[in-house]
Protein backbone atom coordinates (compact mmCIF):
# COMPACT_ATOMS: atom_id res chain seq x y z
CA MET A 1 15.86 4.25 -14.76
CA LEU A 2 17.89 1.88 -13.49
CA ILE A 3 20.43 4.83 -12.34
CA ALA A 4 17.47 6.39 -10.78
CA ALA A 5 16.77 3.76 -8.30
CA GLY A 6 20.21 4.40 -6.59
CA SER A 7 20.81 3.87 -3.08
CA ALA A 8 19.50 4.51 0.12
CA THR A 9 21.18 7.73 0.17
CA ALA A 10 20.53 8.53 -4.02
CA SER A 11 19.45 12.81 -3.75
CA LEU A 12 16.46 13.97 -5.06
CA SER A 13 18.35 15.92 -7.90
CA ARG A 14 20.08 12.28 -9.29
CA ILE A 15 16.06 10.63 -9.47
CA THR A 16 14.73 13.80 -11.15
CA ALA A 17 17.85 14.12 -13.88
CA ALA A 18 16.90 10.45 -14.76
CA ALA A 19 13.16 10.23 -14.55
CA THR A 20 12.29 14.43 -15.19
CA VAL A 21 9.10 13.80 -17.24
CA ASN A 22 6.54 16.60 -17.72
CA ASN A 23 3.24 15.78 -16.89
CA PRO A 24 0.80 16.92 -19.77
CA TYR A 25 -1.97 15.84 -17.53
CA GLY A 26 -1.68 17.99 -14.02
CA LYS A 27 -3.79 17.02 -11.26
CA ARG A 28 -5.65 14.47 -13.42
CA GLY A 29 -2.49 12.84 -13.96
CA LEU A 30 -1.21 9.42 -12.11
CA GLY A 31 -0.74 10.51 -8.88
CA ALA A 32 1.38 8.07 -5.89
CA ALA A 33 0.07 6.18 -3.09
CA PRO A 34 2.39 6.43 0.19
CA THR A 35 2.02 2.52 0.54
CA GLY A 36 4.00 2.13 -2.82
CA PHE A 37 6.69 4.31 -1.64
CA GLY A 38 8.09 3.03 1.76
CA ALA A 39 11.66 2.99 1.39
CA ARG A 40 11.76 6.02 -1.36
CA ARG A 41 9.87 7.99 2.06
CA ARG A 42 12.22 6.93 4.67
CA ALA A 43 15.70 7.42 2.24
CA ASN A 44 13.71 10.62 1.59
CA SER A 45 13.36 11.69 5.65
CA GLU A 46 16.75 10.50 6.40
CA ALA A 47 18.07 13.11 3.36
CA LYS A 48 20.16 16.23 4.17
CA PRO A 49 17.72 18.18 4.27
CA PRO A 50 14.85 15.82 4.37
CA VAL A 51 12.76 15.69 0.93
CA GLU A 52 9.07 16.38 1.71
CA TRP A 53 6.88 13.51 -0.22
CA ILE A 54 4.85 16.49 -2.63
CA ASP A 55 8.38 17.89 -3.87
CA TYR A 56 9.31 14.20 -4.44
CA CYS A 57 6.53 12.85 -6.63
CA HIS A 58 6.77 16.69 -8.23
CA SER A 59 10.21 15.93 -9.20
CA LEU A 60 8.97 13.06 -11.05
CA GLY A 61 5.85 14.64 -13.11
CA LEU A 62 3.14 12.94 -11.10
CA GLY A 63 -0.03 14.50 -11.05
CA GLY A 64 -0.91 14.26 -7.21
CA ILE A 65 -0.57 12.24 -4.38
CA GLU A 66 -2.08 10.57 -1.27
CA THR A 67 -1.07 11.43 2.16
CA SER A 68 -1.66 11.52 5.79
CA ALA A 69 -4.05 14.02 7.81
CA PRO A 70 -3.68 17.71 6.59
CA PRO A 71 -2.55 20.56 8.28
CA THR A 72 -5.40 22.18 10.47
CA ASP A 73 -3.65 25.58 11.38
CA ALA A 74 -4.09 28.42 9.37
CA ASP A 75 -0.64 29.23 8.25
CA GLY A 76 0.14 25.43 7.49
CA ILE A 77 -3.08 25.19 5.24
CA SER A 78 -2.42 28.43 3.23
CA LYS A 79 1.18 27.28 2.57
CA TYR A 80 -0.10 23.58 1.43
CA ARG A 81 -2.68 24.84 -0.89
CA ASP A 82 -0.33 27.68 -2.56
CA LYS A 83 2.13 24.55 -2.93
CA LEU A 84 -0.53 22.82 -4.63
CA ALA A 85 -1.27 24.90 -6.56
CA SER A 86 1.76 26.18 -7.93
CA TYR A 87 2.82 22.50 -8.63
CA ASP A 88 -0.78 21.78 -9.89
CA MET A 89 -1.13 18.71 -8.06
CA HIS A 90 -4.02 16.99 -6.54
CA VAL A 91 -4.27 15.65 -2.78
CA ILE A 92 -6.21 12.73 -1.27
CA PHE A 93 -5.65 13.21 2.69
CA ASN A 94 -6.56 10.11 4.98
CA VAL A 95 -8.26 12.20 8.14
CA ARG A 96 -9.29 9.18 10.88
CA LEU A 97 -12.66 8.19 10.86
CA PRO A 98 -15.08 8.73 13.95
CA ASN A 99 -15.50 5.98 16.27
CA THR A 100 -17.65 7.34 18.67
CA GLU A 101 -19.80 10.72 18.89
CA ALA A 102 -16.34 12.08 20.58
CA ASP A 103 -14.68 11.65 17.93
CA ILE A 104 -16.45 13.54 15.74
CA PRO A 105 -14.98 17.24 16.54
CA ALA A 106 -11.17 16.08 15.74
CA PHE A 107 -13.02 14.29 12.21
CA GLU A 108 -14.20 17.68 11.57
CA ALA A 109 -11.12 19.93 12.07
CA GLY A 110 -10.01 17.21 9.46
CA VAL A 111 -12.36 17.42 6.94
CA LYS A 112 -12.65 21.25 7.07
CA ALA A 113 -8.82 21.53 6.63
CA ALA A 114 -9.34 19.50 3.30
CA SER A 115 -11.79 21.51 2.09
CA GLN A 116 -10.08 25.09 2.29
CA ILE A 117 -6.79 23.20 1.55
CA GLY A 118 -8.86 22.01 -1.66
CA ALA A 119 -8.29 18.69 -1.26
CA TYR A 120 -10.09 16.18 -4.04
CA GLY A 121 -11.25 13.78 -1.67
CA LEU A 122 -10.36 11.52 1.86
CA HIS A 123 -9.33 8.05 1.57
CA ALA A 124 -10.15 5.68 4.34
CA ALA A 125 -9.14 1.62 4.50
CA LEU A 126 -10.98 0.44 6.86
CA THR A 127 -9.84 -3.20 7.26
CA ALA A 128 -6.93 -5.23 7.88
CA ARG A 129 -7.39 -8.87 5.66
CA ARG A 130 -10.27 -10.41 6.52
CA TYR A 131 -8.54 -14.10 5.70
CA GLU A 132 -5.91 -13.21 8.14
CA VAL A 133 -7.41 -11.12 11.35
CA LEU A 134 -11.36 -12.93 11.37
CA ASP A 135 -11.72 -16.09 12.52
CA SER A 136 -15.72 -16.69 12.42
CA VAL A 137 -18.55 -15.22 10.45
CA GLU A 138 -19.62 -13.65 13.95
CA ALA A 139 -16.07 -11.61 14.27
CA PHE A 140 -17.17 -10.34 10.23
CA LYS A 141 -20.27 -8.89 11.26
CA LYS A 142 -19.14 -7.26 13.99
CA SER A 143 -16.43 -5.92 11.71
CA PHE A 144 -18.11 -5.05 9.39
CA GLN A 145 -20.96 -3.59 11.71
CA LYS A 146 -18.42 -0.96 13.22
CA ASN A 147 -17.25 -0.17 9.73
CA GLN A 148 -20.64 1.22 8.93
CA GLN A 149 -21.33 2.83 12.18
CA SER A 150 -17.88 4.73 11.79
CA VAL A 151 -19.32 6.19 8.17
CA ALA A 152 -22.45 6.61 9.17
CA LEU A 153 -20.84 9.13 12.13
CA ALA A 154 -18.67 10.88 9.27
CA GLU A 155 -20.87 11.36 6.68
CA PRO A 156 -23.04 14.04 8.19
CA VAL A 157 -19.64 16.13 8.55
CA LEU A 158 -18.61 15.35 5.01
CA ALA A 159 -21.87 16.32 3.48
CA LYS A 160 -21.33 19.90 5.37
CA TYR A 161 -18.19 20.56 3.77
CA LYS A 162 -19.13 18.71 0.48
CA MET A 163 -16.22 16.73 0.86
CA ARG A 164 -16.06 13.12 -0.15
CA LEU A 165 -14.81 9.82 1.29
CA ALA A 166 -14.05 6.86 -1.03
CA ILE A 167 -13.76 3.89 1.08
CA GLU A 168 -10.92 1.26 -0.27
CA ASN A 169 -12.01 -2.29 -0.79
CA HIS A 170 -8.76 -3.16 1.06
CA LYS A 171 -9.30 -7.24 1.02
CA GLY A 172 -12.55 -6.95 4.01
CA TRP A 173 -15.17 -7.41 1.78
CA ARG A 174 -16.50 -8.96 -1.40
CA ALA A 175 -17.49 -6.01 -3.72
CA ALA A 176 -21.25 -7.02 -3.44
CA GLU A 177 -21.00 -6.59 0.29
CA GLN A 178 -19.37 -3.34 -0.04
CA ALA A 179 -21.49 -1.88 -3.29
CA ALA A 180 -25.15 -3.21 -1.36
CA TRP A 181 -23.67 -1.39 1.81
CA LEU A 182 -23.02 1.94 -0.07
CA LYS A 183 -26.33 1.29 -2.04
CA ARG A 184 -28.47 1.49 1.36
CA LEU A 185 -26.18 4.50 2.63
CA GLY A 186 -27.07 6.04 -0.21
CA SER A 187 -24.96 9.42 -0.22
CA GLU A 188 -23.24 11.26 -2.88
CA TYR A 189 -20.24 12.06 -0.54
CA VAL A 190 -19.17 8.75 0.22
CA GLY A 191 -18.05 6.03 -2.61
CA VAL A 192 -15.36 3.93 -3.50
CA HIS A 193 -11.94 3.73 -3.50
CA LEU A 194 -10.78 1.18 -6.20
CA ASP A 195 -7.93 -0.62 -5.30
CA PHE A 196 -6.89 -2.52 -9.27
CA GLY A 197 -5.93 -5.62 -7.24
CA ASN A 198 -7.02 -6.26 -3.77
CA ASN A 199 -10.39 -8.35 -4.61
CA VAL A 200 -8.78 -11.27 -6.15
CA SER A 201 -7.18 -12.69 -2.47
CA LEU A 202 -11.10 -12.38 -2.19
CA CYS A 203 -11.80 -15.01 -5.29
CA GLU A 204 -12.95 -11.96 -7.52
CA ASP A 205 -11.66 -11.25 -11.08
CA PRO A 206 -10.47 -7.80 -10.94
CA MET A 207 -13.00 -6.47 -14.11
CA GLN A 208 -15.69 -8.11 -11.67
CA THR A 209 -15.01 -6.27 -9.08
CA LEU A 210 -14.57 -3.13 -10.93
CA ASP A 211 -17.93 -3.48 -12.48
CA THR A 212 -19.63 -4.36 -9.63
CA LEU A 213 -18.41 -0.97 -7.76
CA LEU A 214 -17.97 1.35 -10.80
CA PRO A 215 -21.31 3.28 -10.00
CA TYR A 216 -19.68 4.16 -6.64
CA VAL A 217 -15.72 4.39 -7.80
CA MET A 218 -14.43 7.83 -7.09
CA SER A 219 -10.77 7.72 -7.08
CA GLY A 220 -8.61 4.24 -7.10
CA HIS A 221 -5.31 2.26 -6.29
CA ILE A 222 -3.67 1.52 -9.86
CA LYS A 223 -1.89 -1.51 -10.00
CA ASP A 224 -1.08 -4.86 -11.91
CA MET A 225 -1.06 -8.10 -10.34
CA SER A 226 0.92 -11.37 -10.57
CA VAL A 227 -0.14 -14.78 -9.10
CA GLU A 228 1.78 -18.06 -8.71
CA PRO A 229 0.57 -21.65 -6.99
CA TYR A 230 1.84 -22.67 -3.70
CA ASP A 231 0.72 -25.70 -1.50
CA ASP A 232 -1.75 -23.80 0.28
CA GLY A 233 -3.62 -21.83 -2.14
CA PHE A 234 -1.47 -18.87 -4.26
CA LEU A 235 0.28 -16.09 -4.17
CA LEU A 236 -0.24 -12.57 -4.98
CA SER A 237 1.99 -9.65 -5.59
CA GLU A 238 2.41 -6.39 -7.13
CA VAL A 239 4.14 -5.93 -9.90
CA ALA A 240 5.38 -3.42 -12.10
CA LEU A 241 2.62 -2.15 -14.54
CA GLY A 242 2.58 -3.99 -17.38
CA ASP A 243 4.36 -6.96 -15.83
CA GLY A 244 1.08 -8.54 -14.62
CA PHE A 245 -2.22 -10.39 -15.79
CA LEU A 246 -4.79 -7.19 -15.52
CA ASP A 247 -5.81 -5.73 -18.44
CA LEU A 248 -5.29 -2.20 -17.30
CA LYS A 249 -6.37 -0.52 -20.41
CA ALA A 250 -9.75 -1.71 -20.06
CA MET A 251 -10.01 -0.97 -16.47
CA VAL A 252 -8.67 2.55 -16.62
CA LYS A 253 -10.68 3.16 -20.20
CA LYS A 254 -13.69 2.23 -17.86
CA LEU A 255 -12.97 4.60 -14.91
CA ARG A 256 -12.31 7.51 -17.16
CA GLN A 257 -15.92 7.28 -19.08
CA LYS A 258 -17.24 7.09 -15.65
CA ASP A 259 -15.20 10.36 -14.47
CA PRO A 260 -13.37 11.78 -17.06
CA ASN A 261 -11.18 13.68 -14.23
CA MET A 262 -10.97 10.86 -11.42
CA VAL A 263 -7.55 10.60 -10.14
CA LEU A 264 -5.33 7.00 -10.09
CA ASP A 265 -2.49 7.07 -7.87
CA LEU A 266 0.11 4.41 -8.01
CA GLU A 267 0.16 1.89 -5.70
CA THR A 268 3.05 -1.23 -6.70
CA ILE A 269 4.06 -1.89 -3.41
CA THR A 270 7.18 -4.16 -3.76
CA ARG A 271 7.21 -6.97 -1.13
CA ASP A 272 7.35 -10.72 -0.69
CA PRO A 273 4.34 -12.30 -2.21
CA LEU A 274 1.12 -12.69 -0.20
CA LYS A 275 -0.14 -15.92 0.81
CA ILE A 276 -3.79 -16.39 -0.05
CA PRO A 277 -4.58 -19.79 1.44
CA VAL A 278 -7.52 -21.02 -0.12
CA PHE A 279 -7.11 -24.38 0.69
CA THR A 280 -7.22 -23.94 4.19
CA ASP A 281 -9.79 -23.96 6.42
CA ASN A 282 -9.32 -20.47 7.91
CA TYR A 283 -9.32 -18.68 4.69
CA TRP A 284 -13.10 -19.72 4.78
CA ALA A 285 -14.00 -18.99 8.43
CA SER A 286 -15.66 -15.81 7.53
CA PHE A 287 -17.58 -16.80 4.93
CA ASP A 288 -20.99 -18.64 4.87
CA ASP A 289 -23.74 -19.01 2.52
CA SER A 290 -26.27 -17.09 4.22
CA TYR A 291 -24.57 -13.46 5.31
CA SER A 292 -21.38 -13.83 3.37
CA PRO A 293 -21.06 -15.98 0.61
CA LEU A 294 -18.09 -17.18 -1.39
CA PRO A 295 -19.37 -18.95 -4.37
CA GLY A 296 -17.27 -22.41 -5.13
CA ARG A 297 -17.42 -21.15 -8.82
CA ASP A 298 -15.84 -18.22 -7.89
CA LEU A 299 -12.99 -19.82 -6.44
CA ALA A 300 -12.73 -22.35 -9.28
CA LYS A 301 -12.39 -19.27 -11.51
CA THR A 302 -9.85 -17.99 -9.97
CA LEU A 303 -7.97 -20.76 -9.75
CA VAL A 304 -8.19 -21.37 -13.28
CA LEU A 305 -6.91 -17.46 -13.66
CA VAL A 306 -3.67 -18.42 -11.41
CA LYS A 307 -3.35 -21.41 -13.80
CA LYS A 308 -3.51 -19.37 -16.89
CA ASN A 309 -1.38 -16.45 -16.00
CA PRO A 310 1.77 -17.75 -14.60
CA PRO A 311 4.19 -14.83 -13.64
CA LYS A 312 6.02 -13.16 -16.73
CA LYS A 313 8.83 -12.44 -14.74
CA PRO A 314 9.71 -13.96 -11.10
CA LEU A 315 7.54 -12.73 -8.52
CA PRO A 316 9.32 -9.59 -6.40
CA ARG A 317 10.78 -10.11 -2.54
CA THR A 318 12.51 -8.47 -0.70
CA SER A 319 13.21 -10.71 2.29
CA GLY A 320 16.88 -10.94 3.14
CA LEU A 321 17.61 -7.58 0.74
CA THR A 322 19.48 -4.56 2.62
CA PRO A 323 17.63 -1.78 2.94
CA ALA A 324 19.52 0.11 -0.16
CA GLU A 325 18.86 -3.23 -2.09
CA GLN A 326 15.15 -2.92 -1.13
CA LEU A 327 15.59 0.78 -2.22
CA LYS A 328 16.95 -0.11 -5.68
CA LEU A 329 13.88 -2.49 -6.50
CA GLU A 330 11.22 -0.25 -5.17
CA ASP A 331 12.60 2.60 -7.46
CA GLN A 332 12.94 0.42 -10.36
CA ASN A 333 9.53 -0.78 -10.21
CA ASN A 334 7.75 2.35 -9.59
CA LEU A 335 9.67 4.49 -11.88
CA ALA A 336 8.71 1.47 -15.16
CA SER A 337 5.21 1.99 -13.77
CA ILE A 338 5.03 5.73 -13.84
CA GLN A 339 6.80 5.55 -17.55
CA TYR A 340 4.48 2.34 -18.83
CA ALA A 341 1.33 4.56 -17.23
CA ARG A 342 2.43 7.50 -19.62
CA GLN A 343 3.12 5.64 -22.88
CA ASN A 344 -0.23 3.33 -22.53
CA LEU A 345 -2.43 4.41 -20.08
CA GLY A 346 -2.84 8.60 -20.76
CA LEU A 347 -1.61 8.48 -16.97
């Protein structure tokens, strides 16, 4: 695994030699989200010849990928479908949702192509971190209404092609807000792409988030999280699976009980810790008791969680590292996570 981490110019064959494993789970096995492999994808694109994302993940024995929008031409669709079938891998596409009715034809072309390829579904992350970009409850209302309008425009197209859209809990809404929205929408084609750790930033226990969203979960980003206090709140980091405080076995078990074939894509983002400034006024600006509450008891529980779960290892940091060093650290985290998932999670 350490050898496989390599430098930014490490070849695909070198990675494969160190990490090759046969995935007995096929397309229901652990997949990969591109956001967790940023340095590796850059290195692969610069290789001679370039290494395609799907080929790289197949070389690691992974069961699928999340990626950008699908090709929409007949030849591209046919080639993608054939490669996917030959690798026995799942794919989740990110197709830009419509903001207005004028955007619907382009969205429909992407959904149709995804359907023809045989995609597991679509993924959408509609928000930034609300405590960083929203400075009032009114700003949150406008953002949330825009998200709901976009999905409402998309839903008839999804139903037409029987294509599911899973919306990630992307640090924009608390779980109860997202669940209430999806209940109102009432569509079998719109649900949740569960990120295992994002809502810690909104003072939720990860199991609380899962239980609240479980009726709507269609797919997910599996990750482990580590936390540490800092002056304005706490730091939050993705870490290699097994190195954090999440009860991954219990979480995966609940999801598999809901749907034995649900796909989970690894998203261990190797970066500096995120600052969650719960002791600042700005953090609370987009919450209020009537429209978007964040109870004090949830803050207290989160601070206890931080206190009782000191990092098992120093939190990962990439500031000051060379591109080669960043790639090495990212590869180490991802390969360790893949190994842990196979040995401990049945993925």
